[in-house]
């Protein structure tokens, strides 16, 4: 269950961490590396969110101006993501997550015929495998973290690469967006997240190639991350939609937090 809530004055911790996957679907090194940077949070993916009016106004001429005007207020957003390794889809993720506030959310992660549900409340994290007939498990340590889908800090780093990172204005799904693109080596990746740098470096990677599309309000609408380890290319795609006020995600287990 999720319901609108007034913005909380709690800052989100910007760290990157490993995503949870079923032990029966463990992948090889390149896929594991890819999952380290994959988002995984969100609201009930089966529920249709109320569409938010889309602005067709032309973005700022300077994408840096759009990025600078991005709101620091808390909000919720829906995310759809695919995870590929070696050109084949390994995982599909649907999510809803709060940004710029205490991290809570709900998600579904599908690998083949297996689905893992995750609910992150203000005080605990719950996982369920097996659909409605399965039981929820309260995790002793959090496995899902806000920063896995939070691309807020990436756009300024891409812009710091210079004019070559600015690929112009494009229209995607009826929305005019700035396309930013570039290679973030380990040092630049570390500017955004030391954990992200550590994850890539530990798998033998030297950085990531990132494409990010931001709208006139500086909000990320789409993103693609690529990197290669041991000759295998990993790819994560993300689409963000249905921006709205932050929400409360309740425990799926009665009488628990």
Protein backbone atom coordinates (compact mmCIF):
# COMPACT_ATOMS: atom_id res chain seq x y z
CA UNK A 1 0.00 0.00 0.00
CA UNK A 2 1.26 3.48 -0.75
CA UNK A 3 -0.27 6.86 -0.03
CA UNK A 4 0.80 10.48 -0.56
CA UNK A 5 2.73 12.05 2.30
CA UNK A 6 4.06 15.53 2.95
CA UNK A 7 7.77 15.92 2.17
CA UNK A 8 10.00 14.74 4.97
CA UNK A 9 13.03 16.75 5.95
CA UNK A 10 15.38 13.79 5.77
CA UNK A 11 18.22 13.82 3.26
CA UNK A 12 18.79 10.75 1.11
CA UNK A 13 22.15 9.06 1.61
CA UNK A 14 23.88 8.98 -1.77
CA UNK A 15 25.64 5.65 -1.83
CA UNK A 16 25.60 2.80 -4.30
CA UNK A 17 25.13 -0.82 -3.24
CA UNK A 18 24.59 -4.28 -4.53
CA UNK A 19 21.12 -5.34 -5.65
CA UNK A 20 19.45 -8.47 -4.29
CA UNK A 21 18.87 -11.40 -6.64
CA UNK A 22 17.64 -14.95 -6.12
CA UNK A 23 20.39 -17.43 -5.34
CA UNK A 24 19.05 -19.70 -8.04
CA UNK A 25 19.64 -17.00 -10.67
CA UNK A 26 23.24 -16.10 -9.84
CA UNK A 27 25.07 -14.84 -12.92
CA UNK A 28 28.65 -14.73 -14.08
CA UNK A 29 31.05 -11.90 -13.33
CA UNK A 30 29.97 -9.41 -15.98
CA UNK A 31 26.29 -9.72 -15.07
CA UNK A 32 27.13 -9.45 -11.39
CA UNK A 33 29.06 -6.28 -12.09
CA UNK A 34 26.12 -4.90 -14.02
CA UNK A 35 23.71 -5.61 -11.19
CA UNK A 36 25.85 -3.60 -8.81
CA UNK A 37 24.79 -0.44 -10.62
CA UNK A 38 21.22 -1.48 -11.41
CA UNK A 39 18.30 0.33 -9.85
CA UNK A 40 15.79 -1.60 -7.78
CA UNK A 41 13.05 0.17 -5.87
CA UNK A 42 9.51 1.18 -6.33
CA UNK A 43 5.77 1.22 -5.98
CA UNK A 44 3.36 -1.54 -6.93
CA UNK A 45 4.48 -2.19 -10.51
CA UNK A 46 1.14 -3.77 -11.38
CA UNK A 47 -0.77 -0.62 -10.44
CA UNK A 48 -1.22 1.98 -13.18
CA UNK A 49 0.06 5.31 -11.90
CA UNK A 50 -1.89 8.45 -12.65
CA UNK A 51 -0.20 10.15 -15.63
CA UNK A 52 1.42 13.50 -14.96
CA UNK A 53 0.92 16.24 -17.52
CA UNK A 54 3.89 16.35 -19.89
CA UNK A 55 5.37 19.70 -20.83
CA UNK A 56 6.21 20.15 -24.52
CA UNK A 57 7.93 23.48 -23.92
CA UNK A 58 11.39 23.62 -25.41
CA UNK A 59 14.12 23.00 -22.82
CA UNK A 60 16.62 25.67 -21.91
CA UNK A 61 19.11 26.32 -24.71
CA UNK A 62 21.88 25.49 -22.25
CA UNK A 63 21.37 22.01 -20.70
CA UNK A 64 23.41 23.15 -17.70
CA UNK A 65 20.63 25.64 -16.91
CA UNK A 66 18.05 22.85 -16.96
CA UNK A 67 20.19 20.66 -14.71
CA UNK A 68 20.75 23.55 -12.29
CA UNK A 69 17.03 24.18 -11.92
CA UNK A 70 16.25 20.58 -10.92
CA UNK A 71 14.13 20.65 -7.77
CA UNK A 72 15.66 19.57 -4.49
CA UNK A 73 12.20 18.85 -3.06
CA UNK A 74 11.25 15.24 -2.28
CA UNK A 75 9.29 13.37 -4.95
CA UNK A 76 8.26 9.88 -6.08
CA UNK A 77 8.89 8.46 -9.54
CA UNK A 78 8.23 5.23 -11.44
CA UNK A 79 11.14 3.43 -13.10
CA UNK A 80 11.28 0.71 -15.72
CA UNK A 81 14.65 -0.88 -16.34
CA UNK A 82 16.23 -3.69 -18.34
CA UNK A 83 19.53 -5.33 -17.53
CA UNK A 84 21.49 -6.94 -20.36
CA UNK A 85 24.71 -8.89 -20.56
CA UNK A 86 26.37 -9.81 -23.83
CA UNK A 87 23.37 -8.48 -25.77
CA UNK A 88 20.82 -10.64 -23.96
CA UNK A 89 18.26 -9.40 -21.45
CA UNK A 90 19.02 -10.81 -18.03
CA UNK A 91 16.53 -8.94 -15.84
CA UNK A 92 13.51 -6.64 -16.06
CA UNK A 93 12.73 -4.26 -13.21
CA UNK A 94 9.65 -2.16 -12.46
CA UNK A 95 9.78 0.18 -9.51
CA UNK A 96 8.50 3.19 -7.67
CA UNK A 97 10.78 5.08 -5.33
CA UNK A 98 11.06 8.25 -3.29
CA UNK A 99 13.96 10.59 -4.06
CA UNK A 100 15.37 13.55 -2.13
CA UNK A 101 13.98 12.18 1.13
CA UNK A 102 14.08 9.06 3.28
CA UNK A 103 14.42 6.16 0.88
CA UNK A 104 11.35 3.95 0.69
CA UNK A 105 9.79 2.15 -2.25
CA UNK A 106 8.54 -1.01 -3.87
CA UNK A 107 9.86 -3.07 -6.78
CA UNK A 108 9.56 -6.20 -8.86
CA UNK A 109 12.62 -7.84 -10.40
CA UNK A 110 12.03 -10.55 -12.98
CA UNK A 111 14.71 -13.03 -14.07
CA UNK A 112 13.29 -15.61 -16.45
CA UNK A 113 10.18 -17.02 -14.81
CA UNK A 114 11.26 -15.95 -11.32
CA UNK A 115 9.98 -12.73 -9.72
CA UNK A 116 11.30 -11.11 -6.56
CA UNK A 117 9.23 -8.42 -4.86
CA UNK A 118 10.82 -5.92 -2.51
CA UNK A 119 9.21 -3.40 -0.17
CA UNK A 120 11.36 -0.85 1.64
CA UNK A 121 9.54 0.93 4.47
CA UNK A 122 10.82 3.66 6.77
CA UNK A 123 12.18 1.03 9.14
CA UNK A 124 12.68 -2.28 7.34
CA UNK A 125 13.11 -4.12 4.06
CA UNK A 126 10.99 -7.10 2.97
CA UNK A 127 11.49 -9.62 0.14
CA UNK A 128 9.09 -12.14 -1.36
CA UNK A 129 9.63 -14.81 -4.03
CA UNK A 130 6.79 -16.90 -5.39
CA UNK A 131 4.03 -14.38 -5.89
CA UNK A 132 0.95 -13.96 -3.67
CA UNK A 133 1.33 -17.46 -2.22
CA UNK A 134 4.88 -16.77 -1.05
CA UNK A 135 5.81 -15.41 2.34
CA UNK A 136 7.54 -12.12 3.06
CA UNK A 137 10.99 -12.17 4.67
CA UNK A 138 12.27 -9.25 6.70
CA UNK A 139 15.93 -8.73 5.82
CA UNK A 140 18.45 -8.39 8.63
CA UNK A 141 20.49 -5.94 6.54
CA UNK A 142 19.27 -3.61 3.76
CA UNK A 143 20.09 -4.80 0.24
CA UNK A 144 18.28 -2.08 -1.71
CA UNK A 145 19.54 1.51 -1.72
CA UNK A 146 18.19 4.79 -3.06
CA UNK A 147 21.26 5.67 -5.11
CA UNK A 148 20.91 2.70 -7.42
CA UNK A 149 18.39 4.60 -9.55
CA UNK A 150 19.25 8.12 -8.43
CA UNK A 151 21.06 9.80 -11.34
CA UNK A 152 20.93 13.29 -9.86
CA UNK A 153 24.70 13.63 -9.54
CA UNK A 154 25.59 12.26 -12.95
CA UNK A 155 24.40 15.08 -15.22
CA UNK A 156 26.78 17.71 -13.75
CA UNK A 157 29.71 15.31 -14.18
CA UNK A 158 28.73 14.64 -17.80
CA UNK A 159 28.52 18.39 -18.41
CA UNK A 160 32.02 18.80 -16.97
CA UNK A 161 33.34 16.74 -19.90
CA UNK A 162 32.82 19.75 -22.16
CA UNK A 163 30.83 20.52 -25.33
CA UNK A 164 31.24 17.01 -26.71
CA UNK A 165 28.95 15.69 -23.97
CA UNK A 166 26.04 17.81 -25.24
CA UNK A 167 24.29 15.86 -27.98
CA UNK A 168 21.42 18.28 -28.52
CA UNK A 169 17.66 18.35 -27.96
CA UNK A 170 15.63 15.27 -28.84
CA UNK A 171 11.98 14.25 -28.57
CA UNK A 172 11.25 11.03 -26.72
CA UNK A 173 7.69 9.90 -26.02
CA UNK A 174 6.50 13.41 -26.80
CA UNK A 175 8.89 15.04 -24.33
CA UNK A 176 11.69 17.39 -25.40
CA UNK A 177 14.87 16.40 -23.61
CA UNK A 178 18.57 17.25 -23.54
CA UNK A 179 20.76 14.30 -24.49
CA UNK A 180 24.02 14.13 -22.51
CA UNK A 181 26.61 11.47 -23.22
CA UNK A 182 30.14 10.59 -22.26
CA UNK A 183 32.62 8.21 -20.65
CA UNK A 184 33.07 8.46 -16.89
CA UNK A 185 36.39 7.02 -15.82
CA UNK A 186 36.87 5.75 -12.29
CA UNK A 187 37.83 9.17 -10.95
CA UNK A 188 34.75 10.87 -12.38
CA UNK A 189 32.56 7.97 -11.32
CA UNK A 190 33.91 8.40 -7.82
CA UNK A 191 32.76 12.02 -7.84
CA UNK A 192 29.20 10.71 -7.93
CA UNK A 193 29.58 7.63 -5.74
CA UNK A 194 32.60 5.99 -4.19
CA UNK A 195 30.62 2.75 -4.01
CA UNK A 196 29.86 2.86 -7.75
CA UNK A 197 33.55 3.31 -8.45
CA UNK A 198 34.46 0.44 -6.14
CA UNK A 199 31.90 -1.86 -7.75
CA UNK A 200 33.16 -1.22 -11.29
CA UNK A 201 36.81 -1.35 -10.31
CA UNK A 202 36.41 -4.63 -8.42
CA UNK A 203 35.13 -6.29 -11.60
CA UNK A 204 38.04 -5.04 -13.68
CA UNK A 205 36.16 -2.15 -15.28
CA UNK A 206 37.81 1.18 -16.05
CA UNK A 207 34.62 3.28 -16.06
CA UNK A 208 31.18 3.47 -17.65
CA UNK A 209 29.67 4.98 -20.78
CA UNK A 210 26.58 6.95 -19.81
CA UNK A 211 23.78 8.46 -21.88
CA UNK A 212 21.33 10.58 -19.91
CA UNK A 213 18.28 12.49 -21.11
CA UNK A 214 17.00 15.33 -18.92
CA UNK A 215 13.89 17.46 -19.44
CA UNK A 216 13.42 21.22 -19.14
CA UNK A 217 13.06 20.87 -15.36
CA UNK A 218 16.35 19.01 -15.04
CA UNK A 219 14.66 15.70 -14.29
CA UNK A 220 16.14 12.50 -15.71
CA UNK A 221 13.71 10.88 -18.15
CA UNK A 222 15.92 8.16 -19.62
CA UNK A 223 19.39 6.75 -19.05
CA UNK A 224 21.67 4.04 -20.40
CA UNK A 225 24.80 2.71 -18.71
CA UNK A 226 27.34 0.49 -20.47
CA UNK A 227 30.64 -1.03 -19.47
CA UNK A 228 32.79 -4.01 -20.39
CA UNK A 229 34.41 -6.58 -18.14
CA UNK A 230 36.24 -9.68 -19.33
CA UNK A 231 35.13 -8.95 -22.88
CA UNK A 232 31.42 -8.90 -22.02
CA UNK A 233 29.39 -5.71 -22.41
CA UNK A 234 26.82 -4.92 -19.74
CA UNK A 235 23.92 -2.55 -20.39
CA UNK A 236 21.32 -1.02 -18.06
CA UNK A 237 18.48 1.04 -19.52
CA UNK A 238 16.13 3.15 -17.39
CA UNK A 239 12.96 5.12 -18.11
CA UNK A 240 11.49 7.47 -15.49
CA UNK A 241 7.84 8.60 -15.47
CA UNK A 242 4.87 9.64 -13.34
CA UNK A 243 6.67 12.16 -11.17
CA UNK A 244 4.61 13.10 -8.12
CA UNK A 245 4.71 13.89 -4.40
CA UNK A 246 6.57 11.48 -2.12
CA UNK A 247 4.62 8.46 -0.92
CA UNK A 248 4.49 6.19 2.12
CA UNK A 249 5.20 2.52 1.48
CA UNK A 250 3.70 0.38 4.25
CA UNK A 251 4.91 -2.97 5.47
CA UNK A 252 3.41 -5.92 3.54
CA UNK A 253 3.32 -7.85 6.83
CA UNK A 254 0.49 -6.90 9.23
CA UNK A 255 1.47 -5.23 12.51
CA UNK A 256 5.06 -4.59 11.46
CA UNK A 257 6.99 -1.43 10.50
